[in-house]
Structures are given as structure tokens and as C-alpha cells.
């Protein structure tokens, strides 16, 4: 369990750039057999949301935000032996940030949730061109595709991507999500068929469990 004391200690060291101390906290939690999703949601995700809020309110610099991101991504790799040891079901998902999107932690967490639930999660990273994405869909023939949007300014790029994928694969199920939807755009899921807006990792996991039934 991640207590307030543990979280506050982690956040303090994350913002100050103390990578070793953050690693020590995570390793201690792992030795205590903490649930991976708990670690992702209540430590990594929550702390990065708070770091983002601190940056938006000018409490920290861009450099500090970038360092916190780097530390978090490095710590996520500590969990991978547990994640990729899960038995897989044969279902496949492509997870990507759309073109002009350069924040990838949320999408990486989504890809890992797929892996935890027995899916093959193909994470393409940041700034994926539309045509390259379509080509990759053709190769992998996924059951789901997930688009991450962190900056609302890029909403039109998301719409272009949805329309391009829809024109080629009208029956393909698509999930959209990300911090950008705090400012609007949730109606996109109602505009396009087979598109679902998911705002939490818990809801994503529930959807994946439904897919297995």
C-alpha cells in the first residue's frame, strides 16, 4: 500500500531529481509485493499529474518536469520483468502518441496495462506519423488501437488520425485518452463509431476484462 508518507517522500525526491532515492522507494514497494497497477496509478501517475500541475502553475521549470519524466520512465523499467512474465492470450493492441505529441508516459502505462492483462501491447512512442501508423496496423492486425493525447492544442491532429484510420479500418475499435481531454474533446467518442474515451487505468482494465469474456 502506498501511504501518504511514502507518496510525499517519493514526490519530494522526484521533484528534486534524486533518482537513487526514488528507485529505493520503488524497490522497497516491489519487495513488499505491491500490486503493479497500484504502483502505476497511485505513485507514478499521480506524481506525474502533480508534477504537470506544478509546471503549469510555474512552481517548477521545464527542466525539472523533464527530469521527473526521465526518472519515472527509468523506474518503470524495473517493473518490466513482472509485466512481461504474464501469460498471453493472443489479443493485440497498438498504443501510440499521435503526430506532434511528445509526452509518452501515459501511453507507456497503457501499453503495460495491456501486457499485465495478457495482451500484446505494441507501444509506438511519441510523434507517430499517420501513414506509418496505418502501415503498422496492416502488419499487426490489432484488436484495439489506442491514441494518447496530452496537449489539447493537438486535438485536430487526433481528428485527422481518427479519420484516416477510420477510412482504412472502419470496424477497428479505438480507445482515446490523455490529459488533453481535461480541456475538452470527449465528444469525439460520440462522433466516431467504435471509438471509446477512457480516462483511467482502472476503466481500461475493466474494458480489457470485458473483452476476454
N, C-alpha and C. Protein backbone atom coordinates (compact mmCIF):
# COMPACT_ATOMS: atom_id res chain seq x y z
N UNK A 1 0.84 -1.20 0.00
CA UNK A 1 0.00 0.00 0.00
C UNK A 1 0.87 1.25 0.00
N UNK A 2 0.50 2.20 -0.81
CA UNK A 2 1.24 3.45 -0.89
C UNK A 2 0.59 4.47 0.05
N UNK A 3 1.20 4.69 1.17
CA UNK A 3 0.68 5.64 2.15
C UNK A 3 1.00 7.06 1.73
N UNK A 4 0.36 8.01 2.39
CA UNK A 4 0.64 9.42 2.11
C UNK A 4 2.10 9.74 2.40
N UNK A 5 2.64 9.13 3.45
CA UNK A 5 4.04 9.38 3.81
C UNK A 5 4.98 8.90 2.70
N UNK A 6 4.71 7.70 2.18
CA UNK A 6 5.54 7.18 1.10
C UNK A 6 5.42 8.05 -0.14
N UNK A 7 4.17 8.43 -0.47
CA UNK A 7 3.97 9.26 -1.66
C UNK A 7 4.68 10.60 -1.53
N UNK A 8 4.51 11.26 -0.40
CA UNK A 8 5.12 12.58 -0.21
C UNK A 8 6.64 12.50 -0.30
N UNK A 9 7.20 11.44 0.28
CA UNK A 9 8.65 11.26 0.22
C UNK A 9 9.10 11.04 -1.22
N UNK A 10 8.35 10.22 -1.95
CA UNK A 10 8.68 9.97 -3.34
C UNK A 10 8.59 11.25 -4.17
N UNK A 11 7.50 12.00 -4.02
CA UNK A 11 7.32 13.21 -4.81
C UNK A 11 8.43 14.22 -4.53
N UNK A 12 8.79 14.38 -3.28
CA UNK A 12 9.86 15.31 -2.92
C UNK A 12 11.16 14.95 -3.62
N UNK A 13 11.49 13.67 -3.63
CA UNK A 13 12.72 13.24 -4.27
C UNK A 13 12.62 13.28 -5.79
N UNK A 14 11.42 13.04 -6.31
CA UNK A 14 11.22 13.12 -7.75
C UNK A 14 11.45 14.54 -8.24
N UNK A 15 10.87 15.51 -7.56
CA UNK A 15 10.99 16.91 -7.97
C UNK A 15 12.43 17.42 -7.78
N UNK A 16 13.10 16.91 -6.77
CA UNK A 16 14.47 17.36 -6.52
C UNK A 16 15.48 16.63 -7.41
N UNK A 17 15.00 15.63 -8.14
CA UNK A 17 15.88 14.90 -9.06
C UNK A 17 16.71 13.81 -8.43
N UNK A 18 16.29 13.33 -7.25
CA UNK A 18 17.04 12.29 -6.55
C UNK A 18 16.61 10.91 -7.08
N UNK A 19 17.20 10.53 -8.19
CA UNK A 19 16.85 9.28 -8.87
C UNK A 19 17.06 8.06 -7.97
N UNK A 20 18.19 8.03 -7.25
CA UNK A 20 18.52 6.87 -6.43
C UNK A 20 17.51 6.66 -5.30
N UNK A 21 17.09 7.75 -4.68
CA UNK A 21 16.12 7.63 -3.60
C UNK A 21 14.76 7.18 -4.14
N UNK A 22 14.36 7.70 -5.29
CA UNK A 22 13.11 7.27 -5.91
C UNK A 22 13.18 5.77 -6.24
N UNK A 23 14.30 5.34 -6.74
CA UNK A 23 14.48 3.91 -7.05
C UNK A 23 14.39 3.07 -5.80
N UNK A 24 14.99 3.54 -4.72
CA UNK A 24 14.97 2.82 -3.45
C UNK A 24 13.53 2.65 -2.96
N UNK A 25 12.73 3.70 -3.09
CA UNK A 25 11.33 3.63 -2.65
C UNK A 25 10.56 2.60 -3.48
N UNK A 26 10.76 2.65 -4.79
CA UNK A 26 10.06 1.71 -5.68
C UNK A 26 10.51 0.28 -5.41
N UNK A 27 11.79 0.05 -5.23
CA UNK A 27 12.28 -1.30 -4.98
C UNK A 27 11.74 -1.85 -3.65
N UNK A 28 11.62 -0.99 -2.65
CA UNK A 28 11.05 -1.40 -1.36
C UNK A 28 9.59 -1.83 -1.53
N UNK A 29 8.85 -1.06 -2.32
CA UNK A 29 7.45 -1.41 -2.58
C UNK A 29 7.34 -2.72 -3.34
N UNK A 30 8.23 -2.93 -4.29
CA UNK A 30 8.20 -4.17 -5.06
C UNK A 30 8.52 -5.38 -4.18
N UNK A 31 9.47 -5.22 -3.26
CA UNK A 31 9.80 -6.32 -2.36
C UNK A 31 8.63 -6.67 -1.45
N UNK A 32 7.76 -5.66 -1.22
CA UNK A 32 6.56 -5.89 -0.41
C UNK A 32 5.41 -6.44 -1.25
N UNK A 33 5.72 -6.79 -2.51
CA UNK A 33 4.74 -7.38 -3.44
C UNK A 33 3.54 -6.46 -3.70
N UNK A 34 3.83 -5.19 -3.88
CA UNK A 34 2.76 -4.25 -4.19
C UNK A 34 2.15 -4.59 -5.55
N UNK A 35 0.86 -4.39 -5.68
CA UNK A 35 0.19 -4.60 -6.95
C UNK A 35 0.73 -3.62 -8.00
N UNK A 36 1.05 -4.12 -9.18
CA UNK A 36 1.65 -3.27 -10.20
C UNK A 36 0.74 -2.10 -10.56
N UNK A 37 -0.54 -2.36 -10.70
CA UNK A 37 -1.47 -1.29 -11.06
C UNK A 37 -1.52 -0.23 -9.97
N UNK A 38 -1.44 -0.64 -8.70
CA UNK A 38 -1.41 0.30 -7.58
C UNK A 38 -0.18 1.20 -7.70
N UNK A 39 0.95 0.59 -8.03
CA UNK A 39 2.19 1.35 -8.18
C UNK A 39 2.07 2.35 -9.33
N UNK A 40 1.51 1.90 -10.44
CA UNK A 40 1.38 2.78 -11.60
C UNK A 40 0.42 3.94 -11.32
N UNK A 41 -0.74 3.62 -10.75
CA UNK A 41 -1.76 4.65 -10.57
C UNK A 41 -1.43 5.58 -9.41
N UNK A 42 -1.12 5.01 -8.26
CA UNK A 42 -1.01 5.80 -7.03
C UNK A 42 0.37 6.37 -6.75
N UNK A 43 1.36 5.95 -7.56
CA UNK A 43 2.68 6.56 -7.40
C UNK A 43 3.12 7.25 -8.69
N UNK A 44 3.28 6.49 -9.76
CA UNK A 44 3.79 7.07 -11.00
C UNK A 44 2.80 8.07 -11.61
N UNK A 45 1.57 7.63 -11.83
CA UNK A 45 0.61 8.50 -12.50
C UNK A 45 0.27 9.73 -11.65
N UNK A 46 -0.04 9.50 -10.39
CA UNK A 46 -0.43 10.61 -9.52
C UNK A 46 0.69 11.64 -9.37
N UNK A 47 1.91 11.15 -9.22
CA UNK A 47 3.03 12.08 -9.05
C UNK A 47 3.29 12.87 -10.33
N UNK A 48 3.16 12.23 -11.49
CA UNK A 48 3.40 12.95 -12.73
C UNK A 48 2.28 13.95 -13.03
N UNK A 49 1.06 13.63 -12.63
CA UNK A 49 -0.02 14.62 -12.75
C UNK A 49 0.30 15.83 -11.89
N UNK A 50 0.79 15.57 -10.67
CA UNK A 50 1.11 16.68 -9.77
C UNK A 50 2.30 17.48 -10.29
N UNK A 51 3.28 16.80 -10.85
CA UNK A 51 4.42 17.50 -11.47
C UNK A 51 3.92 18.38 -12.61
N UNK A 52 3.00 17.87 -13.42
CA UNK A 52 2.43 18.67 -14.50
C UNK A 52 1.70 19.89 -14.00
N UNK A 53 0.94 19.73 -12.93
CA UNK A 53 0.24 20.87 -12.33
C UNK A 53 1.23 21.89 -11.79
N UNK A 54 2.32 21.42 -11.20
CA UNK A 54 3.34 22.33 -10.66
C UNK A 54 4.00 23.11 -11.78
N UNK A 55 4.22 22.44 -12.91
CA UNK A 55 4.81 23.14 -14.05
C UNK A 55 3.84 24.19 -14.61
N UNK A 56 2.57 23.82 -14.73
CA UNK A 56 1.58 24.75 -15.27
C UNK A 56 1.41 25.98 -14.39
N UNK A 57 1.62 25.82 -13.09
CA UNK A 57 1.48 26.95 -12.16
C UNK A 57 2.82 27.62 -11.87
N UNK A 58 3.84 27.29 -12.68
CA UNK A 58 5.17 27.92 -12.59
C UNK A 58 5.87 27.66 -11.25
N UNK A 59 5.55 26.54 -10.60
CA UNK A 59 6.25 26.18 -9.38
C UNK A 59 7.56 25.47 -9.68
N UNK A 60 7.64 24.86 -10.85
CA UNK A 60 8.87 24.18 -11.28
C UNK A 60 9.14 24.55 -12.73
N UNK A 61 10.37 24.32 -13.16
CA UNK A 61 10.77 24.65 -14.54
C UNK A 61 10.50 23.49 -15.48
N UNK A 62 10.62 23.78 -16.77
CA UNK A 62 10.51 22.72 -17.78
C UNK A 62 11.60 21.67 -17.56
N UNK A 63 12.80 22.13 -17.19
CA UNK A 63 13.90 21.20 -16.96
C UNK A 63 13.57 20.22 -15.84
N UNK A 64 12.97 20.73 -14.77
CA UNK A 64 12.59 19.87 -13.64
C UNK A 64 11.52 18.88 -14.05
N UNK A 65 10.56 19.34 -14.85
CA UNK A 65 9.50 18.44 -15.34
C UNK A 65 10.08 17.36 -16.22
N UNK A 66 11.03 17.72 -17.08
CA UNK A 66 11.65 16.73 -17.95
C UNK A 66 12.46 15.71 -17.15
N UNK A 67 13.15 16.17 -16.11
CA UNK A 67 13.92 15.26 -15.27
C UNK A 67 13.00 14.29 -14.54
N UNK A 68 11.89 14.79 -14.03
CA UNK A 68 10.92 13.93 -13.34
C UNK A 68 10.37 12.88 -14.30
N UNK A 69 10.14 13.28 -15.53
CA UNK A 69 9.67 12.34 -16.55
C UNK A 69 10.71 11.26 -16.82
N UNK A 70 11.95 11.68 -16.95
CA UNK A 70 13.04 10.74 -17.21
C UNK A 70 13.19 9.73 -16.07
N UNK A 71 13.12 10.22 -14.84
CA UNK A 71 13.23 9.33 -13.68
C UNK A 71 12.09 8.33 -13.66
N UNK A 72 10.88 8.81 -13.91
CA UNK A 72 9.71 7.92 -13.89
C UNK A 72 9.83 6.84 -14.94
N UNK A 73 10.23 7.21 -16.15
CA UNK A 73 10.37 6.21 -17.21
C UNK A 73 11.44 5.17 -16.87
N UNK A 74 12.51 5.61 -16.25
CA UNK A 74 13.57 4.65 -15.87
C UNK A 74 13.07 3.70 -14.79
N UNK A 75 12.23 4.19 -13.89
CA UNK A 75 11.71 3.35 -12.82
C UNK A 75 10.70 2.34 -13.35
N UNK A 76 9.98 2.71 -14.39
CA UNK A 76 9.01 1.78 -14.98
C UNK A 76 9.70 0.53 -15.51
N UNK A 77 10.95 0.68 -15.95
CA UNK A 77 11.66 -0.49 -16.48
C UNK A 77 11.95 -1.52 -15.40
N UNK A 78 11.96 -1.08 -14.13
CA UNK A 78 12.18 -2.03 -13.03
C UNK A 78 11.03 -3.03 -12.93
N UNK A 79 9.86 -2.62 -13.39
CA UNK A 79 8.66 -3.45 -13.24
C UNK A 79 8.54 -4.46 -14.39
N UNK A 80 9.25 -4.22 -15.49
CA UNK A 80 9.01 -5.00 -16.70
C UNK A 80 9.18 -6.51 -16.55
N UNK A 81 10.15 -7.00 -15.77
CA UNK A 81 10.22 -8.46 -15.62
C UNK A 81 8.93 -9.07 -15.10
N UNK A 82 8.22 -8.36 -14.22
CA UNK A 82 6.95 -8.85 -13.70
C UNK A 82 5.84 -8.72 -14.75
N UNK A 83 5.88 -7.64 -15.51
CA UNK A 83 4.83 -7.39 -16.50
C UNK A 83 4.89 -8.41 -17.64
N UNK A 84 6.07 -8.61 -18.18
CA UNK A 84 6.19 -9.43 -19.38
C UNK A 84 6.26 -10.93 -19.09
N UNK A 85 6.13 -11.28 -17.82
CA UNK A 85 6.07 -12.70 -17.46
C UNK A 85 4.64 -13.22 -17.47
N UNK A 86 3.68 -12.34 -17.70
CA UNK A 86 2.27 -12.74 -17.69
C UNK A 86 1.96 -13.63 -18.90
N UNK A 87 1.04 -14.58 -18.69
CA UNK A 87 0.61 -15.44 -19.79
C UNK A 87 -0.23 -14.64 -20.77
N UNK A 88 0.05 -14.80 -22.05
CA UNK A 88 -0.63 -14.00 -23.06
C UNK A 88 -1.76 -14.78 -23.73
N UNK A 89 -2.73 -14.01 -24.23
CA UNK A 89 -3.96 -14.59 -24.76
C UNK A 89 -4.03 -14.59 -26.28
N UNK A 90 -3.13 -13.87 -26.92
CA UNK A 90 -3.16 -13.77 -28.38
C UNK A 90 -3.80 -12.49 -28.88
N UNK A 91 -4.43 -11.74 -27.98
CA UNK A 91 -5.02 -10.46 -28.38
C UNK A 91 -3.93 -9.41 -28.51
N UNK A 92 -4.14 -8.47 -29.44
CA UNK A 92 -3.12 -7.48 -29.74
C UNK A 92 -3.69 -6.07 -29.72
N UNK A 93 -2.86 -5.13 -29.24
CA UNK A 93 -3.25 -3.72 -29.22
C UNK A 93 -2.06 -2.87 -29.64
N UNK A 94 -2.34 -1.80 -30.37
CA UNK A 94 -1.32 -0.82 -30.72
C UNK A 94 -1.60 0.43 -29.90
N UNK A 95 -0.58 0.92 -29.22
CA UNK A 95 -0.71 2.11 -28.38
C UNK A 95 0.28 3.14 -28.88
N UNK A 96 -0.20 4.35 -29.14
CA UNK A 96 0.69 5.35 -29.72
C UNK A 96 0.29 6.76 -29.34
N UNK A 97 1.27 7.64 -29.34
CA UNK A 97 1.01 9.07 -29.28
C UNK A 97 0.87 9.56 -30.73
N UNK A 98 -0.06 10.43 -30.98
CA UNK A 98 -0.28 10.89 -32.34
C UNK A 98 0.83 11.84 -32.77
N UNK A 99 0.83 12.21 -34.03
CA UNK A 99 1.83 13.14 -34.56
C UNK A 99 1.83 14.44 -33.76
N UNK A 100 3.02 14.97 -33.50
CA UNK A 100 3.25 16.21 -32.74
C UNK A 100 3.02 16.05 -31.24
N UNK A 101 2.84 14.81 -30.76
CA UNK A 101 2.72 14.56 -29.32
C UNK A 101 4.04 13.98 -28.82
N UNK A 102 4.61 14.60 -27.77
CA UNK A 102 5.92 14.19 -27.28
C UNK A 102 5.91 13.78 -25.81
N UNK A 103 4.74 13.58 -25.23
CA UNK A 103 4.61 13.10 -23.86
C UNK A 103 4.12 11.65 -23.92
N UNK A 104 4.93 10.72 -23.45
CA UNK A 104 4.62 9.32 -23.71
C UNK A 104 4.39 8.47 -22.46
N UNK A 105 4.58 9.00 -21.26
CA UNK A 105 4.47 8.16 -20.08
C UNK A 105 3.09 7.54 -19.95
N UNK A 106 2.05 8.34 -20.16
CA UNK A 106 0.69 7.83 -20.05
C UNK A 106 0.45 6.68 -21.01
N UNK A 107 0.91 6.84 -22.25
CA UNK A 107 0.74 5.80 -23.25
C UNK A 107 1.54 4.55 -22.90
N UNK A 108 2.72 4.74 -22.33
CA UNK A 108 3.52 3.58 -21.90
C UNK A 108 2.81 2.81 -20.80
N UNK A 109 2.19 3.54 -19.88
CA UNK A 109 1.44 2.87 -18.81
C UNK A 109 0.28 2.08 -19.39
N UNK A 110 -0.39 2.66 -20.37
CA UNK A 110 -1.50 1.97 -21.02
C UNK A 110 -0.99 0.68 -21.67
N UNK A 111 0.12 0.76 -22.38
CA UNK A 111 0.69 -0.43 -23.02
C UNK A 111 1.01 -1.51 -21.98
N UNK A 112 1.52 -1.08 -20.84
CA UNK A 112 1.85 -2.05 -19.79
C UNK A 112 0.60 -2.69 -19.18
N UNK A 113 -0.48 -1.92 -19.07
CA UNK A 113 -1.74 -2.48 -18.56
C UNK A 113 -2.24 -3.57 -19.51
N UNK A 114 -2.09 -3.36 -20.80
CA UNK A 114 -2.44 -4.41 -21.76
C UNK A 114 -1.61 -5.67 -21.50
N UNK A 115 -0.30 -5.49 -21.31
CA UNK A 115 0.58 -6.64 -21.08
C UNK A 115 0.21 -7.37 -19.79
N UNK A 116 -0.10 -6.61 -18.75
CA UNK A 116 -0.48 -7.22 -17.47
C UNK A 116 -1.72 -8.09 -17.63
N UNK A 117 -2.59 -7.68 -18.54
CA UNK A 117 -3.83 -8.41 -18.76
C UNK A 117 -3.74 -9.43 -19.90
N UNK A 118 -2.51 -9.77 -20.28
CA UNK A 118 -2.31 -10.86 -21.22
C UNK A 118 -2.35 -10.49 -22.68
N UNK A 119 -2.39 -9.20 -22.99
CA UNK A 119 -2.38 -8.76 -24.39
C UNK A 119 -0.94 -8.51 -24.84
N UNK A 120 -0.74 -8.52 -26.15
CA UNK A 120 0.50 -8.00 -26.72
C UNK A 120 0.28 -6.51 -26.97
N UNK A 121 0.99 -5.68 -26.21
CA UNK A 121 0.82 -4.24 -26.34
C UNK A 121 1.96 -3.63 -27.13
N UNK A 122 1.70 -3.23 -28.36
CA UNK A 122 2.73 -2.64 -29.22
C UNK A 122 2.75 -1.14 -29.02
N UNK A 123 3.74 -0.68 -28.27
CA UNK A 123 3.86 0.74 -27.94
C UNK A 123 4.77 1.42 -28.96
N UNK A 124 4.22 2.40 -29.70
CA UNK A 124 4.98 3.05 -30.77
C UNK A 124 5.67 4.32 -30.35
N UNK A 125 5.38 4.82 -29.14
CA UNK A 125 6.07 6.01 -28.66
C UNK A 125 5.45 7.31 -29.14
N UNK A 126 6.27 8.35 -29.20
CA UNK A 126 5.78 9.69 -29.49
C UNK A 126 5.77 9.99 -30.99
N UNK A 127 4.95 10.98 -31.35
CA UNK A 127 5.01 11.61 -32.67
C UNK A 127 4.97 10.60 -33.81
N UNK A 128 3.97 9.72 -33.80
CA UNK A 128 3.86 8.70 -34.85
C UNK A 128 3.11 9.25 -36.06
N UNK A 129 3.75 9.31 -37.23
CA UNK A 129 3.07 9.79 -38.44
C UNK A 129 1.88 8.91 -38.79
N UNK A 130 0.85 9.51 -39.35
CA UNK A 130 -0.38 8.80 -39.65
C UNK A 130 -0.14 7.63 -40.59
N UNK A 131 0.58 7.84 -41.67
CA UNK A 131 0.76 6.76 -42.65
C UNK A 131 1.56 5.60 -42.06
N UNK A 132 2.55 5.91 -41.24
CA UNK A 132 3.32 4.85 -40.59
C UNK A 132 2.43 4.05 -39.65
N UNK A 133 1.53 4.73 -38.96
CA UNK A 133 0.59 4.05 -38.08
C UNK A 133 -0.30 3.11 -38.87
N UNK A 134 -0.85 3.60 -39.97
CA UNK A 134 -1.73 2.77 -40.80
C UNK A 134 -0.97 1.55 -41.34
N UNK A 135 0.25 1.75 -41.75
CA UNK A 135 1.07 0.63 -42.24
C UNK A 135 1.27 -0.42 -41.14
N UNK A 136 1.49 0.06 -39.92
CA UNK A 136 1.73 -0.86 -38.81
C UNK A 136 0.45 -1.62 -38.44
N UNK A 137 -0.69 -0.95 -38.54
CA UNK A 137 -1.97 -1.62 -38.31
C UNK A 137 -2.14 -2.75 -39.31
N UNK A 138 -1.77 -2.50 -40.55
CA UNK A 138 -1.87 -3.52 -41.59
C UNK A 138 -1.01 -4.73 -41.26
N UNK A 139 0.16 -4.48 -40.70
CA UNK A 139 1.09 -5.57 -40.38
C UNK A 139 0.61 -6.39 -39.18
N UNK A 140 0.16 -5.71 -38.13
CA UNK A 140 -0.15 -6.39 -36.86
C UNK A 140 -1.60 -6.83 -36.72
N UNK A 141 -2.50 -6.22 -37.49
CA UNK A 141 -3.92 -6.58 -37.42
C UNK A 141 -4.41 -6.62 -35.97
N UNK A 142 -4.37 -5.49 -35.25
CA UNK A 142 -4.71 -5.48 -33.82
C UNK A 142 -6.20 -5.58 -33.55
N UNK A 143 -6.53 -5.98 -32.32
CA UNK A 143 -7.92 -5.99 -31.87
C UNK A 143 -8.35 -4.59 -31.43
N UNK A 144 -7.40 -3.81 -30.96
CA UNK A 144 -7.67 -2.44 -30.49
C UNK A 144 -6.50 -1.54 -30.87
N UNK A 145 -6.80 -0.25 -31.05
CA UNK A 145 -5.76 0.78 -31.20
C UNK A 145 -6.05 1.88 -30.19
N UNK A 146 -5.01 2.35 -29.52
CA UNK A 146 -5.17 3.39 -28.50
C UNK A 146 -4.37 4.63 -28.89
N UNK A 147 -5.03 5.79 -28.83
CA UNK A 147 -4.38 7.06 -29.12
C UNK A 147 -4.27 7.90 -27.85
N UNK A 148 -3.07 8.39 -27.57
CA UNK A 148 -2.84 9.23 -26.41
C UNK A 148 -2.68 10.69 -26.85
N UNK A 149 -3.39 11.56 -26.14
CA UNK A 149 -3.34 12.99 -26.44
C UNK A 149 -3.12 13.75 -25.13
N UNK A 150 -1.98 14.39 -24.99
CA UNK A 150 -1.67 15.10 -23.75
C UNK A 150 -1.84 16.62 -23.87
N UNK A 151 -1.77 17.13 -25.10
CA UNK A 151 -1.86 18.58 -25.32
C UNK A 151 -3.11 18.87 -26.15
N UNK A 152 -4.04 19.64 -25.60
CA UNK A 152 -5.30 19.89 -26.28
C UNK A 152 -5.11 20.61 -27.61
N UNK A 153 -4.04 21.35 -27.73
CA UNK A 153 -3.73 22.06 -28.97
C UNK A 153 -3.66 21.10 -30.16
N UNK A 154 -3.37 19.82 -29.87
CA UNK A 154 -3.22 18.83 -30.94
C UNK A 154 -4.51 18.07 -31.24
N UNK A 155 -5.63 18.56 -30.78
CA UNK A 155 -6.89 17.84 -30.97
C UNK A 155 -7.21 17.64 -32.45
N UNK A 156 -6.87 18.62 -33.29
CA UNK A 156 -7.13 18.47 -34.72
C UNK A 156 -6.29 17.35 -35.35
N UNK A 157 -5.10 17.16 -34.81
CA UNK A 157 -4.24 16.07 -35.29
C UNK A 157 -4.87 14.72 -34.92
N UNK A 158 -5.47 14.67 -33.75
CA UNK A 158 -6.16 13.45 -33.35
C UNK A 158 -7.34 13.16 -34.28
N UNK A 159 -8.09 14.19 -34.62
CA UNK A 159 -9.23 14.02 -35.52
C UNK A 159 -8.76 13.54 -36.89
N UNK A 160 -7.67 14.13 -37.40
CA UNK A 160 -7.11 13.68 -38.68
C UNK A 160 -6.71 12.22 -38.62
N UNK A 161 -6.11 11.82 -37.50
CA UNK A 161 -5.67 10.44 -37.34
C UNK A 161 -6.87 9.50 -37.29
N UNK A 162 -7.89 9.87 -36.53
CA UNK A 162 -9.09 9.05 -36.44
C UNK A 162 -9.74 8.87 -37.81
N UNK A 163 -9.85 9.96 -38.55
CA UNK A 163 -10.50 9.89 -39.86
C UNK A 163 -9.69 9.03 -40.84
N UNK A 164 -8.37 9.13 -40.77
CA UNK A 164 -7.52 8.33 -41.66
C UNK A 164 -7.63 6.84 -41.33
N UNK A 165 -7.60 6.52 -40.05
CA UNK A 165 -7.70 5.11 -39.64
C UNK A 165 -9.10 4.59 -39.94
N UNK A 166 -10.11 5.40 -39.67
CA UNK A 166 -11.49 5.00 -39.93
C UNK A 166 -11.73 4.68 -41.40
N UNK A 167 -11.11 5.47 -42.28
CA UNK A 167 -11.31 5.27 -43.71
C UNK A 167 -10.72 3.94 -44.18
N UNK A 168 -9.65 3.50 -43.52
CA UNK A 168 -8.99 2.25 -43.89
C UNK A 168 -9.55 1.05 -43.13
N UNK A 169 -9.91 1.27 -41.86
CA UNK A 169 -10.34 0.18 -40.99
C UNK A 169 -11.60 0.60 -40.23
N UNK A 170 -12.74 0.65 -40.90
CA UNK A 170 -13.96 1.18 -40.29
C UNK A 170 -14.47 0.37 -39.10
N UNK A 171 -14.10 -0.90 -39.00
CA UNK A 171 -14.60 -1.74 -37.90
C UNK A 171 -13.62 -1.85 -36.74
N UNK A 172 -12.44 -1.27 -36.88
CA UNK A 172 -11.43 -1.37 -35.84
C UNK A 172 -11.83 -0.56 -34.61
N UNK A 173 -11.74 -1.18 -33.44
CA UNK A 173 -12.08 -0.47 -32.21
C UNK A 173 -10.92 0.42 -31.77
N UNK A 174 -11.25 1.63 -31.32
CA UNK A 174 -10.24 2.62 -30.97
C UNK A 174 -10.53 3.18 -29.58
N UNK A 175 -9.48 3.34 -28.79
CA UNK A 175 -9.57 3.99 -27.48
C UNK A 175 -8.80 5.29 -27.56
N UNK A 176 -9.38 6.35 -27.02
CA UNK A 176 -8.67 7.63 -26.92
C UNK A 176 -8.62 8.03 -25.44
N UNK A 177 -7.55 8.73 -25.08
CA UNK A 177 -7.42 9.18 -23.70
C UNK A 177 -6.21 10.09 -23.55
N UNK A 178 -6.05 10.63 -22.35
CA UNK A 178 -4.92 11.50 -22.09
C UNK A 178 -5.33 12.78 -21.39
N UNK A 179 -4.34 13.47 -20.88
CA UNK A 179 -4.58 14.69 -20.10
C UNK A 179 -5.24 15.81 -20.89
N UNK A 180 -5.08 15.79 -22.20
CA UNK A 180 -5.67 16.87 -23.03
C UNK A 180 -7.18 16.94 -22.87
N UNK A 181 -7.81 15.81 -22.58
CA UNK A 181 -9.27 15.78 -22.51
C UNK A 181 -9.82 16.47 -21.27
N UNK A 182 -8.95 16.91 -20.39
CA UNK A 182 -9.40 17.75 -19.27
C UNK A 182 -9.97 19.07 -19.80
N UNK A 183 -9.53 19.47 -20.99
CA UNK A 183 -9.92 20.76 -21.54
C UNK A 183 -11.02 20.64 -22.60
N UNK A 184 -11.41 19.41 -22.91
CA UNK A 184 -12.47 19.22 -23.89
C UNK A 184 -12.15 18.10 -24.87
N UNK A 185 -13.09 17.83 -25.75
CA UNK A 185 -12.86 16.85 -26.80
C UNK A 185 -13.45 15.48 -26.53
N UNK A 186 -14.07 15.29 -25.36
CA UNK A 186 -14.61 13.97 -25.03
C UNK A 186 -15.72 13.55 -25.99
N UNK A 187 -16.34 14.55 -26.63
CA UNK A 187 -17.43 14.24 -27.55
C UNK A 187 -16.95 13.49 -28.79
N UNK A 188 -15.64 13.43 -28.99
CA UNK A 188 -15.09 12.70 -30.13
C UNK A 188 -15.55 11.25 -30.11
N UNK A 189 -15.61 10.68 -28.91
CA UNK A 189 -16.02 9.28 -28.79
C UNK A 189 -17.45 9.06 -29.26
N UNK A 190 -18.26 10.12 -29.24
CA UNK A 190 -19.65 10.01 -29.70
C UNK A 190 -19.76 10.30 -31.19
N UNK A 191 -18.77 10.95 -31.75
CA UNK A 191 -18.79 11.35 -33.16
C UNK A 191 -18.42 10.20 -34.09
N UNK A 192 -17.50 9.36 -33.63
CA UNK A 192 -16.99 8.27 -34.46
C UNK A 192 -17.45 6.91 -33.91
N UNK A 193 -17.85 6.04 -34.80
CA UNK A 193 -18.26 4.71 -34.38
C UNK A 193 -17.06 3.90 -33.91
N UNK A 194 -17.31 3.03 -32.94
CA UNK A 194 -16.29 2.15 -32.38
C UNK A 194 -15.13 2.90 -31.72
N UNK A 195 -15.37 4.13 -31.28
CA UNK A 195 -14.36 4.90 -30.54
C UNK A 195 -14.84 5.08 -29.10
N UNK A 196 -13.96 4.78 -28.14
CA UNK A 196 -14.30 4.88 -26.72
C UNK A 196 -13.29 5.80 -26.04
N UNK A 197 -13.80 6.69 -25.20
CA UNK A 197 -12.93 7.54 -24.38
C UNK A 197 -12.73 6.88 -23.02
N UNK A 198 -11.48 6.66 -22.63
CA UNK A 198 -11.15 6.05 -21.35
C UNK A 198 -10.27 7.04 -20.58
N UNK A 199 -10.66 7.34 -19.34
CA UNK A 199 -9.92 8.37 -18.61
C UNK A 199 -9.09 7.84 -17.43
N UNK A 200 -9.19 6.55 -17.12
CA UNK A 200 -8.39 5.99 -16.03
C UNK A 200 -7.89 4.60 -16.41
N UNK A 201 -6.80 4.19 -15.76
CA UNK A 201 -6.28 2.86 -16.00
C UNK A 201 -7.22 1.78 -15.46
N UNK A 202 -7.95 2.11 -14.40
CA UNK A 202 -8.93 1.16 -13.86
C UNK A 202 -10.02 0.86 -14.90
N UNK A 203 -10.52 1.91 -15.55
CA UNK A 203 -11.56 1.72 -16.57
C UNK A 203 -11.01 0.95 -17.76
N UNK A 204 -9.75 1.22 -18.10
CA UNK A 204 -9.13 0.47 -19.19
C UNK A 204 -9.08 -1.01 -18.84
N UNK A 205 -8.64 -1.32 -17.63
CA UNK A 205 -8.53 -2.73 -17.24
C UNK A 205 -9.90 -3.40 -17.24
N UNK A 206 -10.92 -2.69 -16.78
CA UNK A 206 -12.28 -3.26 -16.81
C UNK A 206 -12.71 -3.57 -18.24
N UNK A 207 -12.40 -2.66 -19.17
CA UNK A 207 -12.73 -2.89 -20.57
C UNK A 207 -12.02 -4.13 -21.12
N UNK A 208 -10.74 -4.28 -20.75
CA UNK A 208 -9.98 -5.43 -21.24
C UNK A 208 -10.54 -6.74 -20.69
N UNK A 209 -10.98 -6.70 -19.45
CA UNK A 209 -11.57 -7.91 -18.87
C UNK A 209 -12.89 -8.26 -19.58
N UNK A 210 -13.64 -7.24 -19.97
CA UNK A 210 -14.86 -7.48 -20.72
C UNK A 210 -14.54 -8.11 -22.08
N UNK A 211 -13.45 -7.66 -22.66
CA UNK A 211 -13.04 -8.18 -23.98
C UNK A 211 -12.72 -9.67 -23.91
N UNK A 212 -12.27 -10.13 -22.73
CA UNK A 212 -11.87 -11.52 -22.58
C UNK A 212 -13.06 -12.44 -22.33
N UNK A 213 -14.21 -11.86 -22.00
CA UNK A 213 -15.40 -12.67 -21.70
C UNK A 213 -16.19 -13.01 -22.97
